[in-house]
Amino acid sequence: MDWNEFFTAPGAHDYVLALGASFLIILSIVISNLMGKFFKIPAEFSRKFVHVLAGVLASFAPIYFKSPLLLLIIAGFFLIFNFWAIKRNLFPGLHGNRHSYGIVYFPLT
């Protein structure tokens, strides 16, 4: 990979993919939280569900995105969002009794 690729402007296709990927990740978080709340799914399963879906999306991202800039922006957004969600206890269905920052570090990988 050439460093100049980081400074190329993302195309319209990349923006659509970024919005779609972000929507899918947020949707998986909401669904897993609702599964824990209404169906009493264990928090560990919900957490793994979100990690697997986000990991699969991330593994295919370099194939579909032309510019890595949006990938870095998405990762930064979810890093901040996950940290904020832990501090506010927004998704207890994901965290359960765990007090780990692994979900914050996950977007970095």
PDB file of N, CA and C in Angstrom:
ATOM      1  N   MET A   1       0.846  -1.176   0.000  1.00  0.00           N
ATOM      2  CA  MET A   1       0.000   0.000   0.000  1.00  0.00           C
ATOM      3  C   MET A   1       0.888   1.234   0.000  1.00  0.00           C
ATOM      4  N   ASP A   2       0.511   2.159  -0.805  1.00  0.00           N
ATOM      5  CA  ASP A   2       1.236   3.406  -0.919  1.00  0.00           C
ATOM      6  C   ASP A   2       0.620   4.429   0.040  1.00  0.00           C
ATOM      7  N   TRP A   3       1.443   5.211   0.718  1.00  0.00           N
ATOM      8  CA  TRP A   3       0.939   6.204   1.678  1.00  0.00           C
ATOM      9  C   TRP A   3       0.072   7.263   1.015  1.00  0.00           C
ATOM     10  N   ASN A   4       0.241   7.473  -0.275  1.00  0.00           N
ATOM     11  CA  ASN A   4      -0.575   8.457  -0.978  1.00  0.00           C
ATOM     12  C   ASN A   4      -2.045   8.052  -1.028  1.00  0.00           C
ATOM     13  N   GLU A   5      -2.316   6.741  -0.870  1.00  0.00           N
ATOM     14  CA  GLU A   5      -3.711   6.284  -0.868  1.00  0.00           C
ATOM     15  C   GLU A   5      -4.492   6.859   0.311  1.00  0.00           C
ATOM     16  N   PHE A   6      -3.812   7.150   1.412  1.00  0.00           N
ATOM     17  CA  PHE A   6      -4.491   7.707   2.578  1.00  0.00           C
ATOM     18  C   PHE A   6      -4.996   9.119   2.319  1.00  0.00           C
ATOM     19  N   PHE A   7      -4.407   9.780   1.343  1.00  0.00           N
ATOM     20  CA  PHE A   7      -4.767  11.170   1.097  1.00  0.00           C
ATOM     21  C   PHE A   7      -5.636  11.354  -0.136  1.00  0.00           C
ATOM     22  N   THR A   8      -6.019  10.249  -0.770  1.00  0.00           N
ATOM     23  CA  THR A   8      -6.924  10.361  -1.906  1.00  0.00           C
ATOM     24  C   THR A   8      -8.346  10.530  -1.393  1.00  0.00           C
ATOM     25  N   ALA A   9      -9.086  11.346  -2.081  1.00  0.00           N
ATOM     26  CA  ALA A   9     -10.465  11.607  -1.673  1.00  0.00           C
ATOM     27  C   ALA A   9     -11.326  10.377  -1.927  1.00  0.00           C
ATOM     28  N   PRO A  10     -12.143   9.996  -0.948  1.00  0.00           N
ATOM     29  CA  PRO A  10     -13.051   8.861  -1.161  1.00  0.00           C
ATOM     30  C   PRO A  10     -14.087   9.200  -2.226  1.00  0.00           C
ATOM     31  N   GLY A  11     -14.460   8.204  -2.985  1.00  0.00           N
ATOM     32  CA  GLY A  11     -15.483   8.395  -4.002  1.00  0.00           C
ATOM     33  C   GLY A  11     -16.884   8.246  -3.410  1.00  0.00           C
ATOM     34  N   ALA A  12     -17.882   8.535  -4.216  1.00  0.00           N
ATOM     35  CA  ALA A  12     -19.275   8.432  -3.767  1.00  0.00           C
ATOM     36  C   ALA A  12     -19.596   7.008  -3.331  1.00  0.00           C
ATOM     37  N   HIS A  13     -19.020   6.036  -4.008  1.00  0.00           N
ATOM     38  CA  HIS A  13     -19.219   4.631  -3.661  1.00  0.00           C
ATOM     39  C   HIS A  13     -18.743   4.349  -2.234  1.00  0.00           C
ATOM     40  N   ASP A  14     -17.615   4.934  -1.864  1.00  0.00           N
ATOM     41  CA  ASP A  14     -17.083   4.742  -0.511  1.00  0.00           C
ATOM     42  C   ASP A  14     -17.997   5.338   0.552  1.00  0.00           C
ATOM     43  N   TYR A  15     -18.586   6.476   0.264  1.00  0.00           N
ATOM     44  CA  TYR A  15     -19.493   7.103   1.235  1.00  0.00           C
ATOM     45  C   TYR A  15     -20.739   6.249   1.461  1.00  0.00           C
ATOM     46  N   VAL A  16     -21.270   5.698   0.392  1.00  0.00           N
ATOM     47  CA  VAL A  16     -22.451   4.830   0.514  1.00  0.00           C
ATOM     48  C   VAL A  16     -22.099   3.587   1.322  1.00  0.00           C
ATOM     49  N   LEU A  17     -20.939   2.997   1.026  1.00  0.00           N
ATOM     50  CA  LEU A  17     -20.499   1.826   1.782  1.00  0.00           C
ATOM     51  C   LEU A  17     -20.265   2.161   3.254  1.00  0.00           C
ATOM     52  N   ALA A  18     -19.695   3.316   3.528  1.00  0.00           N
ATOM     53  CA  ALA A  18     -19.426   3.726   4.914  1.00  0.00           C
ATOM     54  C   ALA A  18     -20.729   3.896   5.684  1.00  0.00           C
ATOM     55  N   LEU A  19     -21.708   4.525   5.066  1.00  0.00           N
ATOM     56  CA  LEU A  19     -23.009   4.675   5.730  1.00  0.00           C
ATOM     57  C   LEU A  19     -23.670   3.320   5.944  1.00  0.00           C
ATOM     58  N   GLY A  20     -23.598   2.460   4.948  1.00  0.00           N
ATOM     59  CA  GLY A  20     -24.196   1.135   5.074  1.00  0.00           C
ATOM     60  C   GLY A  20     -23.529   0.296   6.147  1.00  0.00           C
ATOM     61  N   ALA A  21     -22.205   0.308   6.188  1.00  0.00           N
ATOM     62  CA  ALA A  21     -21.474  -0.463   7.194  1.00  0.00           C
ATOM     63  C   ALA A  21     -21.756   0.077   8.595  1.00  0.00           C
ATOM     64  N   SER A  22     -21.768   1.396   8.735  1.00  0.00           N
ATOM     65  CA  SER A  22     -22.065   1.995  10.045  1.00  0.00           C
ATOM     66  C   SER A  22     -23.477   1.648  10.491  1.00  0.00           C
ATOM     67  N   PHE A  23     -24.413   1.698   9.551  1.00  0.00           N
ATOM     68  CA  PHE A  23     -25.797   1.342   9.877  1.00  0.00           C
ATOM     69  C   PHE A  23     -25.897  -0.109  10.331  1.00  0.00           C
ATOM     70  N   LEU A  24     -25.214  -1.014   9.640  1.00  0.00           N
ATOM     71  CA  LEU A  24     -25.270  -2.431  10.017  1.00  0.00           C
ATOM     72  C   LEU A  24     -24.673  -2.672  11.403  1.00  0.00           C
ATOM     73  N   ILE A  25     -23.600  -1.990  11.715  1.00  0.00           N
ATOM     74  CA  ILE A  25     -22.988  -2.157  13.035  1.00  0.00           C
ATOM     75  C   ILE A  25     -23.899  -1.616  14.129  1.00  0.00           C
ATOM     76  N   ILE A  26     -24.460  -0.433  13.908  1.00  0.00           N
ATOM     77  CA  ILE A  26     -25.381   0.139  14.894  1.00  0.00           C
ATOM     78  C   ILE A  26     -26.617  -0.742  15.027  1.00  0.00           C
ATOM     79  N   LEU A  27     -27.134  -1.248  13.919  1.00  0.00           N
ATOM     80  CA  LEU A  27     -28.294  -2.139  13.951  1.00  0.00           C
ATOM     81  C   LEU A  27     -27.985  -3.406  14.737  1.00  0.00           C
ATOM     82  N   SER A  28     -26.796  -3.965  14.554  1.00  0.00           N
ATOM     83  CA  SER A  28     -26.439  -5.171  15.308  1.00  0.00           C
ATOM     84  C   SER A  28     -26.347  -4.884  16.804  1.00  0.00           C
ATOM     85  N   ILE A  29     -25.870  -3.704  17.174  1.00  0.00           N
ATOM     86  CA  ILE A  29     -25.805  -3.329  18.594  1.00  0.00           C
ATOM     87  C   ILE A  29     -27.208  -3.213  19.171  1.00  0.00           C
ATOM     88  N   VAL A  30     -28.089  -2.556  18.436  1.00  0.00           N
ATOM     89  CA  VAL A  30     -29.473  -2.380  18.914  1.00  0.00           C
ATOM     90  C   VAL A  30     -30.180  -3.729  19.008  1.00  0.00           C
ATOM     91  N   ILE A  31     -30.035  -4.566  17.988  1.00  0.00           N
ATOM     92  CA  ILE A  31     -30.686  -5.885  17.998  1.00  0.00           C
ATOM     93  C   ILE A  31     -30.165  -6.738  19.148  1.00  0.00           C
ATOM     94  N   SER A  32     -28.867  -6.734  19.359  1.00  0.00           N
ATOM     95  CA  SER A  32     -28.313  -7.554  20.444  1.00  0.00           C
ATOM     96  C   SER A  32     -28.767  -7.042  21.802  1.00  0.00           C
ATOM     97  N   ASN A  33     -28.907  -5.734  21.938  1.00  0.00           N
ATOM     98  CA  ASN A  33     -29.404  -5.183  23.194  1.00  0.00           C
ATOM     99  C   ASN A  33     -30.870  -5.564  23.412  1.00  0.00           C
ATOM    100  N   LEU A  34     -31.657  -5.527  22.354  1.00  0.00           N
ATOM    101  CA  LEU A  34     -33.069  -5.913  22.460  1.00  0.00           C
ATOM    102  C   LEU A  34     -33.219  -7.410  22.731  1.00  0.00           C
ATOM    103  N   MET A  35     -32.330  -8.224  22.143  1.00  0.00           N
ATOM    104  CA  MET A  35     -32.378  -9.666  22.415  1.00  0.00           C
ATOM    105  C   MET A  35     -32.126  -9.934  23.897  1.00  0.00           C
ATOM    106  N   GLY A  36     -31.193  -9.205  24.474  1.00  0.00           N
ATOM    107  CA  GLY A  36     -30.912  -9.371  25.896  1.00  0.00           C
ATOM    108  C   GLY A  36     -32.050  -8.899  26.772  1.00  0.00           C
ATOM    109  N   LYS A  37     -32.706  -7.838  26.345  1.00  0.00           N
ATOM    110  CA  LYS A  37     -33.780  -7.262  27.156  1.00  0.00           C
ATOM    111  C   LYS A  37     -35.063  -8.084  27.091  1.00  0.00           C
ATOM    112  N   PHE A  38     -35.491  -8.461  25.884  1.00  0.00           N
ATOM    113  CA  PHE A  38     -36.783  -9.109  25.726  1.00  0.00           C
ATOM    114  C   PHE A  38     -36.726 -10.633  25.766  1.00  0.00           C
ATOM    115  N   PHE A  39     -35.631 -11.208  25.294  1.00  0.00           N
ATOM    116  CA  PHE A  39     -35.546 -12.661  25.224  1.00  0.00           C
ATOM    117  C   PHE A  39     -34.576 -13.250  26.234  1.00  0.00           C
ATOM    118  N   LYS A  40     -34.023 -12.387  27.072  1.00  0.00           N
ATOM    119  CA  LYS A  40     -33.095 -12.802  28.141  1.00  0.00           C
ATOM    120  C   LYS A  40     -31.896 -13.579  27.595  1.00  0.00           C
ATOM    121  N   ILE A  41     -31.433 -13.156  26.427  1.00  0.00           N
ATOM    122  CA  ILE A  41     -30.215 -13.728  25.850  1.00  0.00           C
ATOM    123  C   ILE A  41     -29.045 -13.268  26.712  1.00  0.00           C
ATOM    124  N   PRO A  42     -28.121 -14.157  27.064  1.00  0.00           N
ATOM    125  CA  PRO A  42     -26.983 -13.744  27.892  1.00  0.00           C
ATOM    126  C   PRO A  42     -26.152 -12.636  27.237  1.00  0.00           C
ATOM    127  N   ALA A  43     -25.632 -11.746  28.054  1.00  0.00           N
ATOM    128  CA  ALA A  43     -24.835 -10.624  27.555  1.00  0.00           C
ATOM    129  C   ALA A  43     -23.614 -11.114  26.788  1.00  0.00           C
ATOM    130  N   GLU A  44     -23.055 -12.239  27.190  1.00  0.00           N
ATOM    131  CA  GLU A  44     -21.873 -12.780  26.519  1.00  0.00           C
ATOM    132  C   GLU A  44     -22.190 -13.155  25.068  1.00  0.00           C
ATOM    133  N   PHE A  45     -23.364 -13.744  24.832  1.00  0.00           N
ATOM    134  CA  PHE A  45     -23.764 -14.080  23.471  1.00  0.00           C
ATOM    135  C   PHE A  45     -23.992 -12.818  22.654  1.00  0.00           C
ATOM    136  N   SER A  46     -24.670 -11.830  23.238  1.00  0.00           N
ATOM    137  CA  SER A  46     -24.931 -10.574  22.532  1.00  0.00           C
ATOM    138  C   SER A  46     -23.628  -9.881  22.151  1.00  0.00           C
ATOM    139  N   ARG A  47     -22.688  -9.868  23.070  1.00  0.00           N
ATOM    140  CA  ARG A  47     -21.399  -9.230  22.827  1.00  0.00           C
ATOM    141  C   ARG A  47     -20.666  -9.931  21.690  1.00  0.00           C
ATOM    142  N   LYS A  48     -20.679 -11.261  21.702  1.00  0.00           N
ATOM    143  CA  LYS A  48     -20.004 -12.026  20.652  1.00  0.00           C
ATOM    144  C   LYS A  48     -20.692 -11.843  19.303  1.00  0.00           C
ATOM    145  N   PHE A  49     -22.011 -11.719  19.310  1.00  0.00           N
ATOM    146  CA  PHE A  49     -22.773 -11.481  18.084  1.00  0.00           C
ATOM    147  C   PHE A  49     -22.306 -10.194  17.409  1.00  0.00           C
ATOM    148  N   VAL A  50     -22.181  -9.136  18.198  1.00  0.00           N
ATOM    149  CA  VAL A  50     -21.752  -7.847  17.649  1.00  0.00           C
ATOM    150  C   VAL A  50     -20.297  -7.925  17.178  1.00  0.00           C
ATOM    151  N   HIS A  51     -19.441  -8.576  17.963  1.00  0.00           N
ATOM    152  CA  HIS A  51     -18.039  -8.694  17.580  1.00  0.00           C
ATOM    153  C   HIS A  51     -17.880  -9.475  16.270  1.00  0.00           C
ATOM    154  N   VAL A  52     -18.596 -10.561  16.131  1.00  0.00           N
ATOM    155  CA  VAL A  52     -18.480 -11.366  14.912  1.00  0.00           C
ATOM    156  C   VAL A  52     -18.971 -10.580  13.705  1.00  0.00           C
ATOM    157  N   LEU A  53     -20.125  -9.937  13.817  1.00  0.00           N
ATOM    158  CA  LEU A  53     -20.646  -9.179  12.685  1.00  0.00           C
ATOM    159  C   LEU A  53     -19.707  -8.036  12.310  1.00  0.00           C
ATOM    160  N   ALA A  54     -19.248  -7.285  13.290  1.00  0.00           N
ATOM    161  CA  ALA A  54     -18.334  -6.179  13.008  1.00  0.00           C
ATOM    162  C   ALA A  54     -17.011  -6.697  12.445  1.00  0.00           C
ATOM    163  N   GLY A  55     -16.543  -7.829  12.953  1.00  0.00           N
ATOM    164  CA  GLY A  55     -15.299  -8.404  12.445  1.00  0.00           C
ATOM    165  C   GLY A  55     -15.410  -8.864  11.008  1.00  0.00           C
ATOM    166  N   VAL A  56     -16.537  -9.473  10.664  1.00  0.00           N
ATOM    167  CA  VAL A  56     -16.744  -9.909   9.281  1.00  0.00           C
ATOM    168  C   VAL A  56     -16.826  -8.702   8.346  1.00  0.00           C
ATOM    169  N   LEU A  57     -17.560  -7.678   8.763  1.00  0.00           N
ATOM    170  CA  LEU A  57     -17.636  -6.463   7.946  1.00  0.00           C
ATOM    171  C   LEU A  57     -16.251  -5.845   7.765  1.00  0.00           C
ATOM    172  N   ALA A  58     -15.482  -5.792   8.835  1.00  0.00           N
ATOM    173  CA  ALA A  58     -14.145  -5.193   8.768  1.00  0.00           C
ATOM    174  C   ALA A  58     -13.198  -6.000   7.895  1.00  0.00           C
ATOM    175  N   SER A  59     -13.361  -7.313   7.888  1.00  0.00           N
ATOM    176  CA  SER A  59     -12.456  -8.134   7.080  1.00  0.00           C
ATOM    177  C   SER A  59     -12.688  -7.948   5.584  1.00  0.00           C
ATOM    178  N   PHE A  60     -13.903  -7.611   5.189  1.00  0.00           N
ATOM    179  CA  PHE A  60     -14.191  -7.377   3.778  1.00  0.00           C
ATOM    180  C   PHE A  60     -14.001  -5.926   3.360  1.00  0.00           C
ATOM    181  N   ALA A  61     -13.867  -5.026   4.311  1.00  0.00           N
ATOM    182  CA  ALA A  61     -13.789  -3.599   4.010  1.00  0.00           C
ATOM    183  C   ALA A  61     -12.646  -3.233   3.059  1.00  0.00           C
ATOM    184  N   PRO A  62     -11.435  -3.758   3.228  1.00  0.00           N
ATOM    185  CA  PRO A  62     -10.360  -3.363   2.300  1.00  0.00           C
ATOM    186  C   PRO A  62     -10.629  -3.757   0.844  1.00  0.00           C
ATOM    187  N   ILE A  63     -11.456  -4.754   0.648  1.00  0.00           N
ATOM    188  CA  ILE A  63     -11.779  -5.183  -0.708  1.00  0.00           C
ATOM    189  C   ILE A  63     -12.712  -4.177  -1.382  1.00  0.00           C
ATOM    190  N   TYR A  64     -13.665  -3.661  -0.632  1.00  0.00           N
ATOM    191  CA  TYR A  64     -14.707  -2.820  -1.219  1.00  0.00           C
ATOM    192  C   TYR A  64     -14.381  -1.326  -1.222  1.00  0.00           C
ATOM    193  N   PHE A  65     -13.661  -0.857  -0.211  1.00  0.00           N
ATOM    194  CA  PHE A  65     -13.360   0.569  -0.127  1.00  0.00           C
ATOM    195  C   PHE A  65     -12.150   0.902  -0.986  1.00  0.00           C
ATOM    196  N   LYS A  66     -12.244   2.005  -1.708  1.00  0.00           N
ATOM    197  CA  LYS A  66     -11.133   2.454  -2.547  1.00  0.00           C
ATOM    198  C   LYS A  66     -10.131   3.271  -1.733  1.00  0.00           C
ATOM    199  N   SER A  67     -10.610   4.001  -0.739  1.00  0.00           N
ATOM    200  CA  SER A  67      -9.747   4.847   0.085  1.00  0.00           C
ATOM    201  C   SER A  67      -9.848   4.404   1.543  1.00  0.00           C
ATOM    202  N   PRO A  68      -8.728   4.239   2.222  1.00  0.00           N
ATOM    203  CA  PRO A  68      -8.774   3.824   3.627  1.00  0.00           C
ATOM    204  C   PRO A  68      -9.182   4.945   4.590  1.00  0.00           C
ATOM    205  N   LEU A  69      -9.311   6.152   4.093  1.00  0.00           N
ATOM    206  CA  LEU A  69      -9.628   7.289   4.959  1.00  0.00           C
ATOM    207  C   LEU A  69     -10.965   7.108   5.677  1.00  0.00           C
ATOM    208  N   LEU A  70     -11.988   6.681   4.965  1.00  0.00           N
ATOM    209  CA  LEU A  70     -13.293   6.491   5.597  1.00  0.00           C
ATOM    210  C   LEU A  70     -13.273   5.346   6.605  1.00  0.00           C
ATOM    211  N   LEU A  71     -12.474   4.337   6.354  1.00  0.00           N
ATOM    212  CA  LEU A  71     -12.356   3.243   7.326  1.00  0.00           C
ATOM    213  C   LEU A  71     -11.773   3.755   8.638  1.00  0.00           C
ATOM    214  N   LEU A  72     -10.800   4.620   8.547  1.00  0.00           N
ATOM    215  CA  LEU A  72     -10.214   5.205   9.749  1.00  0.00           C
ATOM    216  C   LEU A  72     -11.213   6.096  10.478  1.00  0.00           C
ATOM    217  N   ILE A  73     -12.017   6.823   9.733  1.00  0.00           N
ATOM    218  CA  ILE A  73     -13.032   7.687  10.334  1.00  0.00           C
ATOM    219  C   ILE A  73     -14.100   6.841  11.032  1.00  0.00           C
ATOM    220  N   ILE A  74     -14.549   5.770  10.393  1.00  0.00           N
ATOM    221  CA  ILE A  74     -15.544   4.888  11.005  1.00  0.00           C
ATOM    222  C   ILE A  74     -14.986   4.264  12.276  1.00  0.00           C
ATOM    223  N   ALA A  75     -13.757   3.781  12.218  1.00  0.00           N
ATOM    224  CA  ALA A  75     -13.134   3.180  13.403  1.00  0.00           C
ATOM    225  C   ALA A  75     -13.018   4.198  14.527  1.00  0.00           C
ATOM    226  N   GLY A  76     -12.625   5.420  14.205  1.00  0.00           N
ATOM    227  CA  GLY A  76     -12.528   6.474  15.221  1.00  0.00           C
ATOM    228  C   GLY A  76     -13.880   6.808  15.826  1.00  0.00           C
ATOM    229  N   PHE A  77     -14.909   6.864  14.973  1.00  0.00           N
ATOM    230  CA  PHE A  77     -16.253   7.142  15.484  1.00  0.00           C
ATOM    231  C   PHE A  77     -16.697   6.064  16.466  1.00  0.00           C
ATOM    232  N   PHE A  78     -16.526   4.800  16.089  1.00  0.00           N
ATOM    233  CA  PHE A  78     -16.975   3.717  16.964  1.00  0.00           C
ATOM    234  C   PHE A  78     -16.106   3.578  18.211  1.00  0.00           C
ATOM    235  N   LEU A  79     -14.864   3.951  18.128  1.00  0.00           N
ATOM    236  CA  LEU A  79     -14.018   3.966  19.316  1.00  0.00           C
ATOM    237  C   LEU A  79     -14.586   4.959  20.334  1.00  0.00           C
ATOM    238  N   ILE A  80     -14.893   6.169  19.881  1.00  0.00           N
ATOM    239  CA  ILE A  80     -15.457   7.200  20.765  1.00  0.00           C
ATOM    240  C   ILE A  80     -16.860   6.814  21.219  1.00  0.00           C
ATOM    241  N   PHE A  81     -17.687   6.322  20.289  1.00  0.00           N
ATOM    242  CA  PHE A  81     -19.055   5.936  20.621  1.00  0.00           C
ATOM    243  C   PHE A  81     -19.084   4.812  21.658  1.00  0.00           C
ATOM    244  N   ASN A  82     -18.243   3.802  21.480  1.00  0.00           N
ATOM    245  CA  ASN A  82     -18.213   2.681  22.422  1.00  0.00           C
ATOM    246  C   ASN A  82     -17.743   3.119  23.801  1.00  0.00           C
ATOM    247  N   PHE A  83     -16.755   4.001  23.847  1.00  0.00           N
ATOM    248  CA  PHE A  83     -16.287   4.513  25.133  1.00  0.00           C
ATOM    249  C   PHE A  83     -17.407   5.286  25.833  1.00  0.00           C
ATOM    250  N   TRP A  84     -18.108   6.131  25.076  1.00  0.00           N
ATOM    251  CA  TRP A  84     -19.210   6.913  25.621  1.00  0.00           C
ATOM    252  C   TRP A  84     -20.343   5.993  26.093  1.00  0.00           C
ATOM    253  N   ALA A  85     -20.643   4.950  25.315  1.00  0.00           N
ATOM    254  CA  ALA A  85     -21.716   4.013  25.673  1.00  0.00           C
ATOM    255  C   ALA A  85     -21.383   3.251  26.952  1.00  0.00           C
ATOM    256  N   ILE A  86     -20.121   2.905  27.149  1.00  0.00           N
ATOM    257  CA  ILE A  86     -19.733   2.217  28.383  1.00  0.00           C
ATOM    258  C   ILE A  86     -19.883   3.141  29.572  1.00  0.00           C
ATOM    259  N   LYS A  87     -19.417   4.371  29.419  1.00  0.00           N
ATOM    260  CA  LYS A  87     -19.495   5.329  30.535  1.00  0.00           C
ATOM    261  C   LYS A  87     -20.941   5.652  30.903  1.00  0.00           C
ATOM    262  N   ARG A  88     -21.837   5.673  29.927  1.00  0.00           N
ATOM    263  CA  ARG A  88     -23.257   5.987  30.159  1.00  0.00           C
ATOM    264  C   ARG A  88     -24.100   4.742  30.419  1.00  0.00           C
ATOM    265  N   ASN A  89     -23.485   3.562  30.319  1.00  0.00           N
ATOM    266  CA  ASN A  89     -24.184   2.284  30.484  1.00  0.00           C
ATOM    267  C   ASN A  89     -25.399   2.202  29.555  1.00  0.00           C
ATOM    268  N   LEU A  90     -25.182   2.584  28.297  1.00  0.00           N
ATOM    269  CA  LEU A  90     -26.274   2.629  27.323  1.00  0.00           C
ATOM    270  C   LEU A  90     -26.747   1.248  26.887  1.00  0.00           C
ATOM    271  N   PHE A  91     -25.841   0.296  26.804  1.00  0.00           N
ATOM    272  CA  PHE A  91     -26.192  -1.021  26.312  1.00  0.00           C
ATOM    273  C   PHE A  91     -25.808  -2.083  27.327  1.00  0.00           C
ATOM    274  N   PRO A  92     -26.568  -2.180  28.416  1.00  0.00           N
ATOM    275  CA  PRO A  92     -26.220  -3.179  29.430  1.00  0.00           C
ATOM    276  C   PRO A  92     -26.355  -4.604  28.908  1.00  0.00           C
ATOM    277  N   GLY A  93     -27.162  -4.804  27.869  1.00  0.00           N
ATOM    278  CA  GLY A  93     -27.298  -6.125  27.281  1.00  0.00           C
ATOM    279  C   GLY A  93     -26.020  -6.603  26.616  1.00  0.00           C
ATOM    280  N   LEU A  94     -25.163  -5.680  26.251  1.00  0.00           N
ATOM    281  CA  LEU A  94     -23.887  -6.045  25.644  1.00  0.00           C
ATOM    282  C   LEU A  94     -22.792  -6.281  26.676  1.00  0.00           C
ATOM    283  N   HIS A  95     -22.823  -5.509  27.728  1.00  0.00           N
ATOM    284  CA  HIS A  95     -21.722  -5.547  28.681  1.00  0.00           C
ATOM    285  C   HIS A  95     -21.965  -6.489  29.848  1.00  0.00           C
ATOM    286  N   GLY A  96     -23.220  -6.631  30.254  1.00  0.00           N
ATOM    287  CA  GLY A  96     -23.531  -7.479  31.397  1.00  0.00           C
ATOM    288  C   GLY A  96     -22.818  -6.978  32.639  1.00  0.00           C
ATOM    289  N   ASN A  97     -22.185  -7.870  33.349  1.00  0.00           N
ATOM    290  CA  ASN A  97     -21.443  -7.501  34.548  1.00  0.00           C
ATOM    291  C   ASN A  97     -19.969  -7.244  34.263  1.00  0.00           C
ATOM    292  N   ARG A  98     -19.583  -7.331  33.009  1.00  0.00           N
ATOM    293  CA  ARG A  98     -18.184  -7.122  32.643  1.00  0.00           C
ATOM    294  C   ARG A  98     -17.834  -5.642  32.712  1.00  0.00           C
ATOM    295  N   HIS A  99     -16.673  -5.365  33.177  1.00  0.00           N
ATOM    296  CA  HIS A  99     -16.157  -3.998  33.175  1.00  0.00           C
ATOM    297  C   HIS A  99     -14.860  -4.012  32.375  1.00  0.00           C
ATOM    298  N   SER A 100     -15.028  -4.147  31.061  1.00  0.00           N
ATOM    299  CA  SER A 100     -13.897  -4.285  30.157  1.00  0.00           C
ATOM    300  C   SER A 100     -13.992  -3.209  29.088  1.00  0.00           C
ATOM    301  N   TYR A 101     -12.841  -2.779  28.627  1.00  0.00           N
ATOM    302  CA  TYR A 101     -12.802  -1.802  27.539  1.00  0.00           C
ATOM    303  C   TYR A 101     -12.453  -2.468  26.200  1.00  0.00           C
ATOM    304  N   GLY A 102     -12.637  -3.771  26.138  1.00  0.00           N
ATOM    305  CA  GLY A 102     -12.353  -4.491  24.898  1.00  0.00           C
ATOM    306  C   GLY A 102     -13.183  -3.997  23.733  1.00  0.00           C
ATOM    307  N   ILE A 103     -14.428  -3.625  23.994  1.00  0.00           N
ATOM    308  CA  ILE A 103     -15.296  -3.118  22.926  1.00  0.00           C
ATOM    309  C   ILE A 103     -14.839  -1.757  22.443  1.00  0.00           C
ATOM    310  N   VAL A 104     -14.107  -1.035  23.267  1.00  0.00           N
ATOM    311  CA  VAL A 104     -13.551   0.240  22.839  1.00  0.00           C
ATOM    312  C   VAL A 104     -12.330  -0.002  21.955  1.00  0.00           C
ATOM    313  N   TYR A 105     -11.525  -0.983  22.303  1.00  0.00           N
ATOM    314  CA  TYR A 105     -10.312  -1.266  21.542  1.00  0.00           C
ATOM    315  C   TYR A 105     -10.588  -2.038  20.260  1.00  0.00           C
ATOM    316  N   PHE A 106     -11.717  -2.680  20.163  1.00  0.00           N
ATOM    317  CA  PHE A 106     -12.044  -3.497  18.989  1.00  0.00           C
ATOM    318  C   PHE A 106     -11.982  -2.702  17.675  1.00  0.00           C
ATOM    319  N   PRO A 107     -12.521  -1.475  17.613  1.00  0.00           N
ATOM    320  CA  PRO A 107     -12.425  -0.726  16.348  1.00  0.00           C
ATOM    321  C   PRO A 107     -10.983  -0.417  15.929  1.00  0.00           C
ATOM    322  N   LEU A 108     -10.056  -0.401  16.867  1.00  0.00           N
ATOM    323  CA  LEU A 108      -8.666  -0.142  16.503  1.00  0.00           C
ATOM    324  C   LEU A 108      -8.070  -1.279  15.686  1.00  0.00           C
ATOM    325  N   THR A 109      -8.558  -2.484  15.938  1.00  0.00           N
ATOM    326  CA  THR A 109      -8.009  -3.628  15.211  1.00  0.00           C
ATOM    327  C   THR A 109      -8.539  -3.656  13.803  1.00  0.00           C
TER     328      THR A 109
END
